[in-house]
N, C-alpha and C. Protein backbone atom coordinates (compact mmCIF):
# COMPACT_ATOMS: atom_id res chain seq x y z
N MET A 1 7.12 -47.49 -28.69
CA MET A 1 7.16 -48.95 -28.71
C MET A 1 8.29 -49.43 -29.63
N THR A 2 9.09 -50.37 -29.15
CA THR A 2 10.22 -50.87 -29.92
C THR A 2 9.74 -51.76 -31.06
N GLU A 3 10.30 -51.54 -32.24
CA GLU A 3 9.97 -52.38 -33.39
C GLU A 3 10.59 -53.77 -33.21
N PRO A 4 9.86 -54.84 -33.60
CA PRO A 4 10.44 -56.18 -33.51
C PRO A 4 11.69 -56.29 -34.36
N GLU A 5 12.66 -57.07 -33.88
CA GLU A 5 13.88 -57.31 -34.65
C GLU A 5 13.54 -58.01 -35.97
N PRO A 6 13.97 -57.47 -37.10
CA PRO A 6 13.66 -58.11 -38.39
C PRO A 6 14.12 -59.56 -38.41
N GLY A 7 13.20 -60.45 -38.74
CA GLY A 7 13.53 -61.86 -38.81
C GLY A 7 13.43 -62.61 -37.52
N GLY A 8 13.22 -61.92 -36.39
CA GLY A 8 13.10 -62.59 -35.11
C GLY A 8 11.70 -63.13 -34.88
N SER A 9 11.51 -63.83 -33.78
CA SER A 9 10.20 -64.44 -33.51
C SER A 9 9.11 -63.39 -33.35
N ASP A 10 9.42 -62.27 -32.68
CA ASP A 10 8.42 -61.22 -32.51
C ASP A 10 8.02 -60.62 -33.86
N TYR A 11 8.98 -60.53 -34.76
CA TYR A 11 8.72 -60.00 -36.10
C TYR A 11 7.68 -60.87 -36.82
N TRP A 12 7.90 -62.18 -36.79
CA TRP A 12 6.98 -63.08 -37.48
C TRP A 12 5.64 -63.19 -36.75
N ASP A 13 5.66 -63.17 -35.43
CA ASP A 13 4.41 -63.18 -34.67
C ASP A 13 3.55 -61.97 -35.05
N ALA A 14 4.19 -60.81 -35.13
CA ALA A 14 3.46 -59.58 -35.46
C ALA A 14 2.91 -59.65 -36.88
N ARG A 15 3.67 -60.24 -37.78
CA ARG A 15 3.21 -60.33 -39.17
C ARG A 15 1.99 -61.22 -39.29
N TYR A 16 2.04 -62.39 -38.67
CA TYR A 16 0.88 -63.29 -38.71
C TYR A 16 -0.33 -62.65 -38.03
N ALA A 17 -0.09 -61.98 -36.90
CA ALA A 17 -1.21 -61.37 -36.16
C ALA A 17 -1.84 -60.24 -36.96
N SER A 18 -1.03 -59.51 -37.76
CA SER A 18 -1.54 -58.34 -38.45
C SER A 18 -2.25 -58.67 -39.75
N ILE A 19 -1.75 -59.68 -40.50
CA ILE A 19 -2.35 -59.94 -41.81
C ILE A 19 -3.05 -61.30 -41.91
N GLY A 20 -2.84 -62.16 -40.93
CA GLY A 20 -3.53 -63.44 -40.95
C GLY A 20 -2.76 -64.49 -41.73
N ASP A 21 -2.92 -65.75 -41.34
CA ASP A 21 -2.11 -66.81 -41.93
C ASP A 21 -2.49 -67.11 -43.38
N GLN A 22 -3.68 -66.70 -43.83
CA GLN A 22 -4.07 -66.96 -45.21
C GLN A 22 -3.70 -65.82 -46.17
N ASN A 23 -3.10 -64.78 -45.64
CA ASN A 23 -2.73 -63.64 -46.48
C ASN A 23 -1.23 -63.48 -46.66
N VAL A 24 -0.44 -64.32 -46.01
CA VAL A 24 1.00 -64.27 -46.26
C VAL A 24 1.27 -64.76 -47.67
N SER A 25 2.33 -64.28 -48.28
CA SER A 25 2.55 -64.53 -49.70
C SER A 25 2.74 -66.00 -50.03
N TRP A 26 3.21 -66.79 -49.07
CA TRP A 26 3.51 -68.20 -49.34
C TRP A 26 2.32 -69.13 -49.07
N PHE A 27 1.18 -68.57 -48.69
CA PHE A 27 0.03 -69.43 -48.33
C PHE A 27 -0.42 -70.29 -49.52
N GLN A 28 -0.69 -71.56 -49.22
CA GLN A 28 -1.25 -72.51 -50.18
C GLN A 28 -2.40 -73.27 -49.51
N PRO A 29 -3.60 -73.23 -50.08
CA PRO A 29 -4.68 -74.02 -49.48
C PRO A 29 -4.40 -75.52 -49.58
N GLU A 30 -3.69 -75.92 -50.63
CA GLU A 30 -3.27 -77.31 -50.77
C GLU A 30 -1.84 -77.34 -51.28
N PRO A 31 -0.90 -77.79 -50.46
CA PRO A 31 0.52 -77.79 -50.86
C PRO A 31 0.83 -78.99 -51.75
N THR A 32 0.38 -78.93 -52.98
CA THR A 32 0.42 -80.08 -53.89
C THR A 32 1.83 -80.61 -54.11
N THR A 33 2.77 -79.72 -54.42
CA THR A 33 4.13 -80.19 -54.71
C THR A 33 4.77 -80.84 -53.49
N SER A 34 4.60 -80.24 -52.33
CA SER A 34 5.14 -80.84 -51.11
C SER A 34 4.59 -82.24 -50.90
N LEU A 35 3.30 -82.39 -51.05
CA LEU A 35 2.67 -83.70 -50.84
C LEU A 35 3.16 -84.73 -51.85
N GLU A 36 3.28 -84.32 -53.10
CA GLU A 36 3.74 -85.25 -54.13
C GLU A 36 5.18 -85.70 -53.88
N LEU A 37 6.05 -84.77 -53.55
CA LEU A 37 7.46 -85.12 -53.37
C LEU A 37 7.67 -85.93 -52.10
N ILE A 38 6.97 -85.61 -51.03
CA ILE A 38 7.07 -86.43 -49.82
C ILE A 38 6.57 -87.84 -50.13
N GLY A 39 5.48 -87.94 -50.88
CA GLY A 39 4.92 -89.24 -51.25
C GLY A 39 5.85 -90.07 -52.11
N HIS A 40 6.74 -89.42 -52.83
CA HIS A 40 7.70 -90.14 -53.67
C HIS A 40 8.76 -90.87 -52.85
N VAL A 41 9.01 -90.39 -51.63
CA VAL A 41 10.12 -90.95 -50.84
C VAL A 41 9.69 -91.56 -49.51
N ALA A 42 8.42 -91.44 -49.14
CA ALA A 42 8.02 -91.92 -47.82
C ALA A 42 6.55 -92.36 -47.81
N THR A 43 6.28 -93.40 -47.05
CA THR A 43 4.91 -93.85 -46.83
C THR A 43 4.37 -93.18 -45.57
N ALA A 44 3.12 -93.45 -45.27
CA ALA A 44 2.48 -92.83 -44.11
C ALA A 44 3.09 -93.27 -42.79
N GLY A 45 3.90 -94.32 -42.80
CA GLY A 45 4.56 -94.75 -41.57
C GLY A 45 5.81 -93.97 -41.24
N ALA A 46 6.22 -93.07 -42.12
CA ALA A 46 7.46 -92.31 -41.92
C ALA A 46 7.26 -91.18 -40.93
N SER A 47 8.37 -90.80 -40.28
CA SER A 47 8.36 -89.61 -39.44
C SER A 47 8.77 -88.42 -40.30
N VAL A 48 8.01 -87.34 -40.19
CA VAL A 48 8.22 -86.16 -41.03
C VAL A 48 8.34 -84.93 -40.14
N VAL A 49 9.37 -84.12 -40.37
CA VAL A 49 9.48 -82.82 -39.72
C VAL A 49 9.33 -81.74 -40.78
N ASP A 50 8.45 -80.80 -40.53
CA ASP A 50 8.23 -79.67 -41.44
C ASP A 50 8.83 -78.44 -40.78
N VAL A 51 10.03 -78.05 -41.24
CA VAL A 51 10.71 -76.91 -40.63
C VAL A 51 10.25 -75.62 -41.31
N GLY A 52 9.96 -74.63 -40.50
CA GLY A 52 9.35 -73.41 -41.03
C GLY A 52 7.91 -73.65 -41.41
N GLY A 53 7.30 -74.73 -40.87
CA GLY A 53 5.94 -75.12 -41.26
C GLY A 53 4.86 -74.19 -40.77
N GLY A 54 5.08 -73.56 -39.61
CA GLY A 54 4.17 -72.55 -39.09
C GLY A 54 2.71 -72.85 -39.28
N ALA A 55 2.04 -71.98 -40.02
CA ALA A 55 0.60 -72.11 -40.27
C ALA A 55 0.30 -72.84 -41.57
N SER A 56 1.30 -73.48 -42.18
CA SER A 56 1.09 -74.21 -43.42
C SER A 56 0.02 -75.28 -43.28
N ARG A 57 -0.71 -75.52 -44.37
CA ARG A 57 -1.73 -76.58 -44.40
C ARG A 57 -1.13 -77.96 -44.67
N LEU A 58 0.19 -78.05 -44.81
CA LEU A 58 0.80 -79.35 -45.08
C LEU A 58 0.45 -80.36 -44.01
N VAL A 59 0.53 -79.96 -42.75
CA VAL A 59 0.26 -80.90 -41.67
C VAL A 59 -1.16 -81.44 -41.75
N ASP A 60 -2.12 -80.60 -42.13
CA ASP A 60 -3.51 -81.05 -42.27
C ASP A 60 -3.62 -82.16 -43.31
N HIS A 61 -2.95 -81.94 -44.44
CA HIS A 61 -3.04 -82.90 -45.55
C HIS A 61 -2.27 -84.18 -45.24
N LEU A 62 -1.15 -84.08 -44.54
CA LEU A 62 -0.43 -85.29 -44.15
C LEU A 62 -1.25 -86.12 -43.17
N LEU A 63 -1.90 -85.46 -42.24
CA LEU A 63 -2.78 -86.18 -41.32
C LEU A 63 -3.90 -86.89 -42.08
N ALA A 64 -4.48 -86.20 -43.03
CA ALA A 64 -5.56 -86.79 -43.83
C ALA A 64 -5.07 -87.98 -44.63
N ALA A 65 -3.77 -87.98 -44.98
CA ALA A 65 -3.18 -89.08 -45.75
C ALA A 65 -2.73 -90.24 -44.87
N GLY A 66 -2.88 -90.08 -43.56
CA GLY A 66 -2.57 -91.18 -42.66
C GLY A 66 -1.26 -91.07 -41.91
N TYR A 67 -0.50 -90.00 -42.11
CA TYR A 67 0.75 -89.82 -41.37
C TYR A 67 0.44 -89.52 -39.91
N ARG A 68 1.21 -90.15 -39.01
CA ARG A 68 0.93 -90.00 -37.59
C ARG A 68 2.16 -89.65 -36.76
N ASP A 69 3.30 -89.47 -37.41
CA ASP A 69 4.52 -89.07 -36.69
C ASP A 69 5.00 -87.78 -37.32
N LEU A 70 4.38 -86.69 -36.88
CA LEU A 70 4.61 -85.38 -37.52
C LEU A 70 5.11 -84.37 -36.49
N THR A 71 6.08 -83.58 -36.92
CA THR A 71 6.61 -82.48 -36.10
C THR A 71 6.64 -81.23 -36.96
N VAL A 72 6.18 -80.12 -36.40
CA VAL A 72 6.20 -78.84 -37.11
C VAL A 72 7.04 -77.87 -36.28
N VAL A 73 8.05 -77.28 -36.93
CA VAL A 73 8.96 -76.35 -36.26
C VAL A 73 8.82 -74.98 -36.92
N ASP A 74 8.72 -73.95 -36.10
CA ASP A 74 8.65 -72.61 -36.66
C ASP A 74 9.13 -71.60 -35.63
N LEU A 75 9.65 -70.50 -36.13
CA LEU A 75 10.10 -69.41 -35.27
C LEU A 75 8.92 -68.71 -34.60
N SER A 76 7.76 -68.73 -35.25
CA SER A 76 6.60 -67.97 -34.78
C SER A 76 5.62 -68.84 -33.99
N ALA A 77 5.46 -68.54 -32.73
CA ALA A 77 4.46 -69.22 -31.91
C ALA A 77 3.05 -68.89 -32.40
N GLU A 78 2.87 -67.70 -32.96
CA GLU A 78 1.57 -67.29 -33.48
C GLU A 78 1.17 -68.17 -34.66
N ALA A 79 2.12 -68.48 -35.55
CA ALA A 79 1.84 -69.34 -36.69
C ALA A 79 1.50 -70.75 -36.23
N LEU A 80 2.25 -71.26 -35.27
CA LEU A 80 1.98 -72.60 -34.74
C LEU A 80 0.62 -72.66 -34.06
N ARG A 81 0.26 -71.58 -33.38
CA ARG A 81 -1.05 -71.55 -32.72
C ARG A 81 -2.17 -71.70 -33.74
N ALA A 82 -2.04 -71.05 -34.89
CA ALA A 82 -3.06 -71.14 -35.93
C ALA A 82 -3.22 -72.59 -36.40
N SER A 83 -2.09 -73.29 -36.56
CA SER A 83 -2.16 -74.69 -36.99
C SER A 83 -2.74 -75.58 -35.90
N ARG A 84 -2.33 -75.38 -34.67
CA ARG A 84 -2.86 -76.19 -33.56
C ARG A 84 -4.37 -76.04 -33.46
N GLU A 85 -4.85 -74.84 -33.64
CA GLU A 85 -6.30 -74.62 -33.56
C GLU A 85 -7.04 -75.33 -34.68
N ARG A 86 -6.41 -75.46 -35.85
CA ARG A 86 -7.07 -76.15 -36.96
C ARG A 86 -7.14 -77.65 -36.74
N VAL A 87 -6.02 -78.25 -36.32
CA VAL A 87 -5.97 -79.71 -36.27
C VAL A 87 -6.30 -80.29 -34.91
N GLY A 88 -6.47 -79.45 -33.91
CA GLY A 88 -6.93 -79.91 -32.61
C GLY A 88 -5.95 -80.87 -31.94
N ASP A 89 -6.47 -82.01 -31.50
CA ASP A 89 -5.67 -82.97 -30.73
C ASP A 89 -4.96 -83.99 -31.61
N ALA A 90 -4.77 -83.69 -32.86
CA ALA A 90 -4.10 -84.62 -33.77
C ALA A 90 -2.67 -84.88 -33.28
N PRO A 91 -2.10 -86.06 -33.64
CA PRO A 91 -0.76 -86.44 -33.16
C PRO A 91 0.35 -85.66 -33.84
N VAL A 92 0.53 -84.42 -33.42
CA VAL A 92 1.55 -83.53 -33.99
C VAL A 92 2.36 -82.94 -32.84
N THR A 93 3.67 -82.91 -33.00
CA THR A 93 4.55 -82.23 -32.05
C THR A 93 4.85 -80.84 -32.59
N TRP A 94 4.59 -79.82 -31.76
CA TRP A 94 4.78 -78.43 -32.17
C TRP A 94 6.02 -77.87 -31.48
N VAL A 95 6.91 -77.27 -32.23
CA VAL A 95 8.16 -76.76 -31.68
C VAL A 95 8.36 -75.31 -32.13
N ALA A 96 8.37 -74.40 -31.17
CA ALA A 96 8.68 -73.00 -31.46
C ALA A 96 10.19 -72.82 -31.24
N ALA A 97 10.94 -72.66 -32.33
CA ALA A 97 12.40 -72.60 -32.21
C ALA A 97 13.01 -71.93 -33.42
N ASP A 98 14.17 -71.35 -33.22
CA ASP A 98 15.00 -70.81 -34.28
C ASP A 98 15.87 -71.96 -34.79
N LEU A 99 15.78 -72.27 -36.09
CA LEU A 99 16.53 -73.39 -36.64
C LEU A 99 18.03 -73.26 -36.42
N ARG A 100 18.51 -72.04 -36.29
CA ARG A 100 19.94 -71.85 -36.10
C ARG A 100 20.42 -72.35 -34.74
N HIS A 101 19.46 -72.55 -33.82
CA HIS A 101 19.83 -72.97 -32.46
C HIS A 101 19.09 -74.22 -32.00
N TRP A 102 18.21 -74.75 -32.83
CA TRP A 102 17.40 -75.90 -32.45
C TRP A 102 18.26 -77.16 -32.34
N GLN A 103 18.02 -77.95 -31.28
CA GLN A 103 18.72 -79.21 -31.08
C GLN A 103 17.68 -80.31 -30.86
N PRO A 104 17.15 -80.92 -31.95
CA PRO A 104 16.14 -81.96 -31.78
C PRO A 104 16.70 -83.17 -31.04
N ALA A 105 15.84 -83.81 -30.28
CA ALA A 105 16.27 -84.96 -29.48
C ALA A 105 16.01 -86.28 -30.19
N ARG A 106 15.66 -86.23 -31.46
CA ARG A 106 15.33 -87.44 -32.20
C ARG A 106 15.68 -87.26 -33.67
N ALA A 107 15.56 -88.36 -34.42
CA ALA A 107 15.80 -88.34 -35.87
C ALA A 107 14.47 -88.35 -36.61
N PHE A 108 14.53 -88.00 -37.90
CA PHE A 108 13.34 -87.99 -38.75
C PHE A 108 13.66 -88.63 -40.09
N ASP A 109 12.68 -89.34 -40.65
CA ASP A 109 12.85 -89.96 -41.96
C ASP A 109 12.82 -88.93 -43.08
N VAL A 110 12.02 -87.90 -42.91
CA VAL A 110 11.87 -86.87 -43.95
C VAL A 110 11.99 -85.48 -43.31
N TRP A 111 12.84 -84.68 -43.87
CA TRP A 111 13.00 -83.26 -43.47
C TRP A 111 12.39 -82.44 -44.60
N HIS A 112 11.29 -81.74 -44.33
CA HIS A 112 10.63 -80.92 -45.34
C HIS A 112 10.80 -79.44 -45.00
N ASP A 113 11.15 -78.68 -46.01
CA ASP A 113 11.34 -77.23 -45.83
C ASP A 113 10.90 -76.53 -47.09
N ARG A 114 9.80 -75.83 -47.00
CA ARG A 114 9.37 -74.98 -48.12
C ARG A 114 9.57 -73.52 -47.70
N ALA A 115 10.71 -72.97 -48.11
CA ALA A 115 10.96 -71.53 -47.98
C ALA A 115 11.38 -71.07 -46.59
N ALA A 116 12.03 -71.94 -45.81
CA ALA A 116 12.67 -71.46 -44.58
C ALA A 116 14.17 -71.23 -44.81
N PHE A 117 14.82 -72.21 -45.46
CA PHE A 117 16.27 -72.11 -45.65
C PHE A 117 16.67 -70.85 -46.40
N HIS A 118 15.84 -70.40 -47.35
CA HIS A 118 16.31 -69.26 -48.15
C HIS A 118 16.34 -67.95 -47.37
N PHE A 119 15.79 -67.93 -46.14
CA PHE A 119 15.92 -66.74 -45.30
C PHE A 119 17.30 -66.68 -44.61
N LEU A 120 18.04 -67.78 -44.67
CA LEU A 120 19.38 -67.80 -44.08
C LEU A 120 20.36 -67.29 -45.13
N THR A 121 20.84 -66.08 -44.96
CA THR A 121 21.71 -65.46 -45.97
C THR A 121 23.17 -65.41 -45.53
N ALA A 122 23.45 -65.69 -44.27
CA ALA A 122 24.83 -65.72 -43.79
C ALA A 122 25.40 -67.12 -43.98
N THR A 123 26.64 -67.20 -44.43
CA THR A 123 27.26 -68.49 -44.71
C THR A 123 27.29 -69.39 -43.48
N ASP A 124 27.60 -68.84 -42.32
CA ASP A 124 27.66 -69.64 -41.10
C ASP A 124 26.29 -70.24 -40.78
N ASP A 125 25.23 -69.47 -40.97
CA ASP A 125 23.87 -69.98 -40.71
C ASP A 125 23.51 -71.07 -41.71
N GLN A 126 23.87 -70.89 -42.96
CA GLN A 126 23.60 -71.90 -43.98
C GLN A 126 24.34 -73.20 -43.66
N ASP A 127 25.61 -73.09 -43.29
CA ASP A 127 26.39 -74.28 -42.95
C ASP A 127 25.81 -74.99 -41.73
N ARG A 128 25.41 -74.22 -40.74
CA ARG A 128 24.82 -74.80 -39.54
C ARG A 128 23.53 -75.55 -39.89
N TYR A 129 22.74 -74.98 -40.79
CA TYR A 129 21.48 -75.62 -41.20
C TYR A 129 21.75 -77.01 -41.75
N TRP A 130 22.70 -77.14 -42.66
CA TRP A 130 22.94 -78.44 -43.27
C TRP A 130 23.63 -79.41 -42.32
N GLN A 131 24.41 -78.88 -41.39
CA GLN A 131 24.95 -79.76 -40.36
C GLN A 131 23.83 -80.32 -39.49
N LEU A 132 22.83 -79.49 -39.19
CA LEU A 132 21.67 -79.94 -38.42
C LEU A 132 20.91 -81.03 -39.17
N VAL A 133 20.75 -80.85 -40.48
CA VAL A 133 20.08 -81.88 -41.27
C VAL A 133 20.86 -83.18 -41.23
N ARG A 134 22.18 -83.10 -41.38
CA ARG A 134 23.00 -84.32 -41.34
C ARG A 134 22.90 -85.02 -39.99
N GLU A 135 22.76 -84.23 -38.92
CA GLU A 135 22.65 -84.81 -37.58
C GLU A 135 21.27 -85.40 -37.31
N THR A 136 20.26 -84.93 -38.05
CA THR A 136 18.87 -85.26 -37.75
C THR A 136 18.27 -86.31 -38.66
N VAL A 137 18.72 -86.36 -39.90
CA VAL A 137 18.19 -87.32 -40.88
C VAL A 137 19.20 -88.45 -41.06
N PRO A 138 18.85 -89.69 -40.74
CA PRO A 138 19.80 -90.79 -40.86
C PRO A 138 19.99 -91.22 -42.31
N PRO A 139 21.04 -91.96 -42.60
CA PRO A 139 21.21 -92.50 -43.94
C PRO A 139 19.97 -93.26 -44.39
N GLY A 140 19.56 -93.02 -45.62
CA GLY A 140 18.33 -93.61 -46.13
C GLY A 140 17.14 -92.69 -46.00
N GLY A 141 17.26 -91.65 -45.16
CA GLY A 141 16.21 -90.65 -45.04
C GLY A 141 16.31 -89.64 -46.16
N HIS A 142 15.39 -88.70 -46.18
CA HIS A 142 15.33 -87.76 -47.31
C HIS A 142 15.09 -86.32 -46.85
N VAL A 143 15.58 -85.41 -47.67
CA VAL A 143 15.31 -83.97 -47.54
C VAL A 143 14.47 -83.54 -48.73
N VAL A 144 13.37 -82.85 -48.44
CA VAL A 144 12.51 -82.28 -49.48
C VAL A 144 12.49 -80.78 -49.23
N ILE A 145 13.14 -80.01 -50.09
CA ILE A 145 13.36 -78.60 -49.79
C ILE A 145 13.07 -77.72 -51.00
N ALA A 146 12.51 -76.54 -50.73
CA ALA A 146 12.25 -75.54 -51.76
C ALA A 146 12.77 -74.19 -51.31
N THR A 147 13.34 -73.46 -52.27
CA THR A 147 13.75 -72.07 -52.07
C THR A 147 13.26 -71.25 -53.25
N PHE A 148 13.36 -69.94 -53.15
CA PHE A 148 13.12 -69.13 -54.33
C PHE A 148 14.15 -69.49 -55.40
N ALA A 149 13.69 -69.56 -56.64
CA ALA A 149 14.57 -69.83 -57.77
C ALA A 149 15.37 -68.58 -58.12
N LEU A 150 16.29 -68.73 -59.06
CA LEU A 150 17.14 -67.60 -59.45
C LEU A 150 16.33 -66.44 -60.01
N ASP A 151 15.17 -66.74 -60.61
CA ASP A 151 14.31 -65.68 -61.11
C ASP A 151 13.16 -65.37 -60.15
N GLY A 152 13.29 -65.85 -58.91
CA GLY A 152 12.28 -65.56 -57.88
C GLY A 152 12.56 -64.23 -57.20
N PRO A 153 11.75 -63.89 -56.22
CA PRO A 153 11.91 -62.61 -55.51
C PRO A 153 13.26 -62.51 -54.80
N GLU A 154 13.76 -61.31 -54.67
CA GLU A 154 15.00 -61.07 -53.95
C GLU A 154 14.76 -60.85 -52.47
N SER A 155 13.51 -60.66 -52.09
CA SER A 155 13.17 -60.48 -50.68
C SER A 155 11.76 -61.03 -50.45
N CYS A 156 11.44 -61.23 -49.18
CA CYS A 156 10.12 -61.73 -48.81
C CYS A 156 9.77 -61.21 -47.42
N SER A 157 8.59 -60.65 -47.29
CA SER A 157 8.14 -60.09 -46.00
C SER A 157 9.12 -59.08 -45.44
N GLY A 158 9.74 -58.32 -46.33
CA GLY A 158 10.66 -57.29 -45.90
C GLY A 158 12.05 -57.76 -45.55
N LEU A 159 12.35 -59.04 -45.84
CA LEU A 159 13.65 -59.61 -45.50
C LEU A 159 14.35 -60.10 -46.76
N PRO A 160 15.67 -59.99 -46.83
CA PRO A 160 16.40 -60.52 -47.98
C PRO A 160 16.39 -62.04 -47.96
N VAL A 161 16.50 -62.65 -49.13
CA VAL A 161 16.57 -64.10 -49.23
C VAL A 161 17.73 -64.49 -50.15
N ALA A 162 18.14 -65.75 -50.04
CA ALA A 162 19.11 -66.32 -50.96
C ALA A 162 18.35 -67.15 -51.98
N ARG A 163 18.66 -66.98 -53.27
CA ARG A 163 17.97 -67.69 -54.34
C ARG A 163 18.89 -68.78 -54.90
N TYR A 164 18.27 -69.87 -55.36
CA TYR A 164 19.07 -71.02 -55.79
C TYR A 164 18.52 -71.65 -57.06
N SER A 165 19.42 -72.17 -57.88
CA SER A 165 19.08 -73.15 -58.90
C SER A 165 19.12 -74.52 -58.22
N SER A 166 18.67 -75.55 -58.92
CA SER A 166 18.73 -76.89 -58.33
C SER A 166 20.19 -77.30 -58.09
N ALA A 167 21.08 -76.96 -59.02
CA ALA A 167 22.49 -77.28 -58.84
C ALA A 167 23.10 -76.49 -57.68
N GLY A 168 22.71 -75.23 -57.56
CA GLY A 168 23.21 -74.42 -56.46
C GLY A 168 22.74 -74.91 -55.11
N LEU A 169 21.49 -75.37 -55.05
CA LEU A 169 20.96 -75.89 -53.80
C LEU A 169 21.65 -77.20 -53.43
N ALA A 170 21.91 -78.03 -54.43
CA ALA A 170 22.64 -79.28 -54.17
C ALA A 170 24.04 -78.99 -53.65
N THR A 171 24.69 -77.97 -54.21
CA THR A 171 26.02 -77.58 -53.73
C THR A 171 25.96 -77.07 -52.30
N ALA A 172 24.92 -76.30 -51.98
CA ALA A 172 24.77 -75.77 -50.63
C ALA A 172 24.63 -76.88 -49.59
N MET A 173 24.02 -77.99 -49.99
CA MET A 173 23.84 -79.11 -49.06
C MET A 173 25.17 -79.66 -48.57
N GLY A 174 26.16 -79.71 -49.45
CA GLY A 174 27.44 -80.26 -49.08
C GLY A 174 27.44 -81.77 -49.08
N ALA A 175 28.43 -82.34 -48.42
CA ALA A 175 28.59 -83.80 -48.40
C ALA A 175 27.46 -84.46 -47.62
N GLY A 176 27.17 -85.71 -48.01
CA GLY A 176 26.20 -86.50 -47.26
C GLY A 176 24.84 -86.60 -47.88
N PHE A 177 24.67 -86.06 -49.10
CA PHE A 177 23.37 -86.08 -49.75
C PHE A 177 23.52 -86.46 -51.23
N THR A 178 22.58 -87.21 -51.74
CA THR A 178 22.51 -87.51 -53.16
C THR A 178 21.17 -87.03 -53.69
N VAL A 179 21.20 -86.13 -54.66
CA VAL A 179 19.96 -85.60 -55.23
C VAL A 179 19.26 -86.69 -56.04
N VAL A 180 17.98 -86.87 -55.77
CA VAL A 180 17.21 -87.89 -56.49
C VAL A 180 16.11 -87.29 -57.36
N GLU A 181 15.77 -86.02 -57.14
CA GLU A 181 14.71 -85.39 -57.93
C GLU A 181 14.80 -83.88 -57.78
N THR A 182 14.51 -83.18 -58.87
CA THR A 182 14.40 -81.72 -58.83
C THR A 182 13.19 -81.32 -59.65
N CYS A 183 12.62 -80.18 -59.33
CA CYS A 183 11.53 -79.64 -60.15
C CYS A 183 11.32 -78.17 -59.84
N PRO A 184 10.83 -77.41 -60.83
CA PRO A 184 10.47 -76.01 -60.58
C PRO A 184 9.00 -75.93 -60.16
N GLU A 185 8.65 -74.82 -59.55
CA GLU A 185 7.24 -74.56 -59.24
C GLU A 185 7.00 -73.06 -59.34
N VAL A 186 5.90 -72.68 -59.92
CA VAL A 186 5.46 -71.29 -59.90
C VAL A 186 4.29 -71.19 -58.94
N HIS A 187 4.52 -70.50 -57.85
CA HIS A 187 3.51 -70.35 -56.80
C HIS A 187 2.68 -69.09 -57.05
N ARG A 188 1.37 -69.25 -56.99
CA ARG A 188 0.47 -68.10 -57.10
C ARG A 188 0.15 -67.59 -55.71
N THR A 189 0.49 -66.36 -55.44
CA THR A 189 0.29 -65.79 -54.12
C THR A 189 -1.17 -65.39 -53.91
N PRO A 190 -1.58 -65.24 -52.65
CA PRO A 190 -2.96 -64.79 -52.40
C PRO A 190 -3.29 -63.45 -53.06
N GLY A 191 -2.26 -62.62 -53.28
CA GLY A 191 -2.47 -61.33 -53.92
C GLY A 191 -2.51 -61.38 -55.43
N GLY A 192 -2.34 -62.59 -55.99
CA GLY A 192 -2.42 -62.73 -57.44
C GLY A 192 -1.08 -62.68 -58.16
N GLY A 193 0.01 -62.55 -57.44
CA GLY A 193 1.32 -62.55 -58.07
C GLY A 193 1.85 -63.95 -58.27
N SER A 194 3.05 -64.06 -58.80
CA SER A 194 3.67 -65.36 -59.01
C SER A 194 5.09 -65.33 -58.46
N GLN A 195 5.54 -66.47 -57.94
CA GLN A 195 6.88 -66.61 -57.38
C GLN A 195 7.47 -67.92 -57.88
N SER A 196 8.69 -67.87 -58.39
CA SER A 196 9.36 -69.06 -58.89
C SER A 196 10.14 -69.74 -57.77
N PHE A 197 9.92 -71.05 -57.62
CA PHE A 197 10.61 -71.85 -56.61
C PHE A 197 11.45 -72.93 -57.27
N THR A 198 12.49 -73.34 -56.57
CA THR A 198 13.29 -74.51 -56.93
C THR A 198 13.09 -75.58 -55.88
N TRP A 199 12.74 -76.79 -56.31
CA TRP A 199 12.57 -77.93 -55.40
C TRP A 199 13.69 -78.93 -55.64
N VAL A 200 14.22 -79.46 -54.54
CA VAL A 200 15.22 -80.53 -54.59
C VAL A 200 14.85 -81.60 -53.57
N VAL A 201 14.89 -82.84 -53.99
CA VAL A 201 14.73 -83.99 -53.09
C VAL A 201 16.08 -84.70 -53.06
N ALA A 202 16.60 -84.93 -51.87
CA ALA A 202 17.90 -85.59 -51.73
C ALA A 202 17.83 -86.69 -50.68
N GLU A 203 18.57 -87.76 -50.96
CA GLU A 203 18.69 -88.85 -49.98
C GLU A 203 19.92 -88.63 -49.12
N ARG A 204 19.75 -88.88 -47.84
CA ARG A 204 20.89 -88.81 -46.91
C ARG A 204 21.69 -90.10 -47.07
N VAL A 205 22.99 -89.96 -47.34
CA VAL A 205 23.84 -91.14 -47.58
C VAL A 205 24.96 -91.21 -46.56
């Protein structure tokens, strides 16, 4: 049997199927920092896209807070299936896509990404990511993004990652963004470990 391509959709589907969505290292029963930072820049009337959202509980909490224009994008159909089963017929658009090739047909007020961007280690992929954000988030909209910090893990789920300081992440964004807030976070994994994250909130200008 052929092994799934590292980092591809089959790779992530197999990982979720084998260990379950609550046992991946990034699992949070309540994504407190994400909710707080989104709340700082958007009301419940805003449109929010959660890229790399997969099986995250963020969509559950946003729905509970009254948000009704939500989109979740992930490479893994298995992860999205887990979320769909939890929230049922709630007003959420589910998109199984590779961010490097995704072409959304609409704009969003808030682009949220907790730990998807840092899996992009090639410069061309990183540049494409921020071009996609510029095309998708209009002026006045916001990006809420987290990556592993400089003292965070060098890899995750068997894949290398790029680590950032808040200044480094702001530089990676390039033109078209103004940073309005930064903060660190230490995430406690289901296995009892700790991971350092860097959060940046930026306005699209």
